[in-house]
Every structure is written in structure tokens, then in C-alpha cells.
């Protein structure tokens, strides 16, 4: 099965963020590109789910709750 249709690209003024499904759908690859350098993070889907849960929880915190 091909996962190329799941690849996403987000652009800002100075950066590009790419999200790719790799390893037959078992892992996610995140790439941040700016004018100088590329930064790459690869994680298994379980790790991506955990990170998503953490970010969702943090977004519900009130400003200043994290000291």
C-alpha cells in the first residue's frame, strides 16, 4: 500500500514543514526546512500519538500554568 497521498506540506514565510508517512505506514517523518538547514525527526506512530496527546493537553492549560 502506498502512503504518498498522506504527505502534508505547510509553508510559512521562512520555513517549510513536511510530514511524511514512511516504513509502510509504521512511522512518521517530520522535516523543518528553513533558508539555512533541514531538521528531521522520525518516530513510530505510537510516539506520534503520545506527542499529539501531550500537545493537546498543553493547549488546554491556561497561560502561565507551566512555570
N, C-alpha and C. Protein backbone atom coordinates (compact mmCIF):
# COMPACT_ATOMS: atom_id res chain seq x y z
N UNK A 1 0.84 -1.18 0.00
CA UNK A 1 0.00 0.00 0.00
C UNK A 1 0.89 1.25 0.00
N UNK A 2 0.53 2.23 -0.78
CA UNK A 2 1.29 3.48 -0.87
C UNK A 2 0.65 4.54 0.03
N UNK A 3 1.48 5.32 0.70
CA UNK A 3 1.01 6.35 1.62
C UNK A 3 1.37 7.75 1.14
N UNK A 4 1.82 7.87 -0.10
CA UNK A 4 2.25 9.17 -0.63
C UNK A 4 1.13 10.21 -0.54
N UNK A 5 -0.13 9.78 -0.68
CA UNK A 5 -1.25 10.71 -0.63
C UNK A 5 -1.44 11.32 0.77
N UNK A 6 -0.80 10.74 1.79
CA UNK A 6 -0.92 11.26 3.15
C UNK A 6 0.13 12.33 3.47
N UNK A 7 1.11 12.50 2.60
CA UNK A 7 2.15 13.50 2.84
C UNK A 7 1.53 14.90 2.89
N UNK A 8 2.00 15.70 3.83
CA UNK A 8 1.49 17.06 4.00
C UNK A 8 2.64 18.04 3.98
N UNK A 9 2.36 19.24 3.50
CA UNK A 9 3.35 20.32 3.45
C UNK A 9 2.69 21.59 3.96
N UNK A 10 3.36 22.26 4.89
CA UNK A 10 2.87 23.53 5.43
C UNK A 10 3.97 24.55 5.23
N UNK A 11 3.64 25.69 4.66
CA UNK A 11 4.62 26.74 4.40
C UNK A 11 4.32 27.99 5.22
N UNK A 12 5.37 28.60 5.73
CA UNK A 12 5.29 29.92 6.33
C UNK A 12 6.21 30.83 5.53
N UNK A 13 6.41 32.04 5.98
CA UNK A 13 7.23 32.98 5.21
C UNK A 13 8.66 32.49 5.03
N UNK A 14 9.24 31.88 6.07
CA UNK A 14 10.65 31.50 6.00
C UNK A 14 10.90 30.01 6.17
N UNK A 15 9.84 29.20 6.38
CA UNK A 15 10.04 27.78 6.65
C UNK A 15 9.05 26.92 5.88
N UNK A 16 9.42 25.67 5.71
CA UNK A 16 8.53 24.65 5.15
C UNK A 16 8.55 23.47 6.11
N UNK A 17 7.38 22.96 6.45
CA UNK A 17 7.26 21.78 7.29
C UNK A 17 6.65 20.66 6.45
N UNK A 18 7.32 19.51 6.42
CA UNK A 18 6.85 18.36 5.66
C UNK A 18 6.56 17.23 6.64
N UNK A 19 5.44 16.55 6.45
CA UNK A 19 5.09 15.37 7.24
C UNK A 19 4.89 14.23 6.26
N UNK A 20 5.66 13.16 6.44
CA UNK A 20 5.60 12.00 5.55
C UNK A 20 5.32 10.75 6.35
N UNK A 21 4.53 9.84 5.79
CA UNK A 21 4.33 8.50 6.35
C UNK A 21 5.37 7.60 5.68
N UNK A 22 6.18 6.90 6.50
CA UNK A 22 7.25 6.06 5.96
C UNK A 22 7.19 4.66 6.59
N UNK A 23 8.07 3.80 6.17
CA UNK A 23 8.16 2.43 6.69
C UNK A 23 6.85 1.68 6.58
N UNK A 24 6.20 1.78 5.43
CA UNK A 24 4.96 1.06 5.21
C UNK A 24 3.84 1.49 6.14
N UNK A 25 3.84 2.74 6.53
CA UNK A 25 2.79 3.27 7.40
C UNK A 25 3.07 3.09 8.88
N UNK A 26 4.27 2.66 9.24
CA UNK A 26 4.61 2.42 10.64
C UNK A 26 5.23 3.62 11.34
N UNK A 27 5.73 4.59 10.58
CA UNK A 27 6.44 5.72 11.17
C UNK A 27 6.05 7.03 10.47
N UNK A 28 6.29 8.13 11.19
CA UNK A 28 6.10 9.47 10.64
C UNK A 28 7.46 10.16 10.60
N UNK A 29 7.66 10.94 9.56
CA UNK A 29 8.90 11.72 9.41
C UNK A 29 8.49 13.19 9.30
N UNK A 30 9.04 14.01 10.20
CA UNK A 30 8.78 15.44 10.20
C UNK A 30 10.05 16.15 9.76
N UNK A 31 9.94 17.05 8.79
CA UNK A 31 11.08 17.80 8.30
C UNK A 31 10.74 19.29 8.40
N UNK A 32 11.63 20.04 9.04
CA UNK A 32 11.51 21.50 9.06
C UNK A 32 12.64 22.03 8.19
N UNK A 33 12.30 22.79 7.19
CA UNK A 33 13.30 23.39 6.31
C UNK A 33 13.21 24.90 6.43
N UNK A 34 14.36 25.51 6.66
CA UNK A 34 14.42 26.97 6.59
C UNK A 34 15.48 27.33 5.56
N UNK A 35 15.83 28.58 5.48
CA UNK A 35 16.77 29.02 4.44
C UNK A 35 18.18 28.48 4.65
N UNK A 36 18.48 28.00 5.86
CA UNK A 36 19.84 27.59 6.17
C UNK A 36 20.00 26.08 6.28
N UNK A 37 19.05 25.39 6.92
CA UNK A 37 19.27 24.00 7.28
C UNK A 37 17.96 23.22 7.34
N UNK A 38 18.06 21.88 7.24
CA UNK A 38 16.92 20.98 7.43
C UNK A 38 17.05 20.31 8.79
N UNK A 39 15.93 20.13 9.47
CA UNK A 39 15.87 19.40 10.73
C UNK A 39 14.89 18.26 10.53
N UNK A 40 15.28 17.03 10.89
CA UNK A 40 14.45 15.85 10.64
C UNK A 40 14.21 15.11 11.95
N UNK A 41 12.96 14.74 12.20
CA UNK A 41 12.57 13.90 13.33
C UNK A 41 11.75 12.76 12.76
N UNK A 42 12.09 11.53 13.15
CA UNK A 42 11.33 10.35 12.73
C UNK A 42 10.85 9.63 13.98
N UNK A 43 9.57 9.23 14.01
CA UNK A 43 9.04 8.49 15.15
C UNK A 43 8.01 7.47 14.70
N UNK A 44 7.87 6.43 15.48
CA UNK A 44 6.85 5.43 15.21
C UNK A 44 5.48 6.03 15.52
N UNK A 45 4.44 5.47 14.95
CA UNK A 45 3.10 6.03 15.12
C UNK A 45 2.68 6.11 16.58
N UNK A 46 3.09 5.16 17.41
CA UNK A 46 2.77 5.23 18.84
C UNK A 46 3.37 6.47 19.48
N UNK A 47 4.59 6.81 19.10
CA UNK A 47 5.23 8.02 19.61
C UNK A 47 4.53 9.27 19.12
N UNK A 48 4.06 9.23 17.88
CA UNK A 48 3.33 10.38 17.34
C UNK A 48 2.01 10.58 18.07
N UNK A 49 1.34 9.48 18.41
CA UNK A 49 0.09 9.57 19.17
C UNK A 49 0.33 10.15 20.55
N UNK A 50 1.41 9.71 21.21
CA UNK A 50 1.76 10.24 22.52
C UNK A 50 2.05 11.74 22.44
N UNK A 51 2.83 12.15 21.44
CA UNK A 51 3.16 13.56 21.28
C UNK A 51 1.90 14.39 21.03
N UNK A 52 1.00 13.86 20.22
CA UNK A 52 -0.27 14.55 19.95
C UNK A 52 -1.07 14.73 21.23
N UNK A 53 -1.13 13.69 22.07
CA UNK A 53 -1.85 13.79 23.35
C UNK A 53 -1.22 14.85 24.25
N UNK A 54 0.11 14.89 24.30
CA UNK A 54 0.81 15.88 25.12
C UNK A 54 0.52 17.31 24.64
N UNK A 55 0.57 17.51 23.33
CA UNK A 55 0.31 18.85 22.78
C UNK A 55 -1.13 19.27 23.02
N UNK A 56 -2.06 18.33 22.92
CA UNK A 56 -3.47 18.65 23.18
C UNK A 56 -3.66 19.05 24.64
N UNK A 57 -3.01 18.32 25.54
CA UNK A 57 -3.12 18.65 26.96
C UNK A 57 -2.51 20.02 27.25
N UNK A 58 -1.35 20.30 26.66
CA UNK A 58 -0.70 21.59 26.89
C UNK A 58 -1.53 22.75 26.33
N UNK A 59 -2.23 22.52 25.22
CA UNK A 59 -3.03 23.60 24.64
C UNK A 59 -4.22 23.95 25.51
N UNK A 60 -4.62 23.03 26.40
CA UNK A 60 -5.76 23.31 27.28
C UNK A 60 -5.34 24.03 28.56
N UNK A 61 -4.03 24.10 28.82
CA UNK A 61 -3.55 24.79 30.03
C UNK A 61 -3.75 26.28 29.88
N UNK A 62 -4.01 26.92 30.99
CA UNK A 62 -4.12 28.38 30.98
C UNK A 62 -2.72 28.97 30.88
N UNK A 63 -2.64 30.15 30.30
CA UNK A 63 -1.35 30.82 30.16
C UNK A 63 -0.75 31.04 31.53
N UNK A 64 0.51 30.71 31.68
CA UNK A 64 1.20 30.87 32.96
C UNK A 64 1.11 29.63 33.84
N UNK A 65 0.35 28.60 33.46
CA UNK A 65 0.22 27.41 34.28
C UNK A 65 1.51 26.59 34.28
N UNK A 66 2.31 26.72 33.26
CA UNK A 66 3.55 25.99 33.16
C UNK A 66 4.68 26.91 33.63
N UNK A 67 5.21 26.64 34.78
CA UNK A 67 6.28 27.50 35.34
C UNK A 67 7.56 26.75 35.43
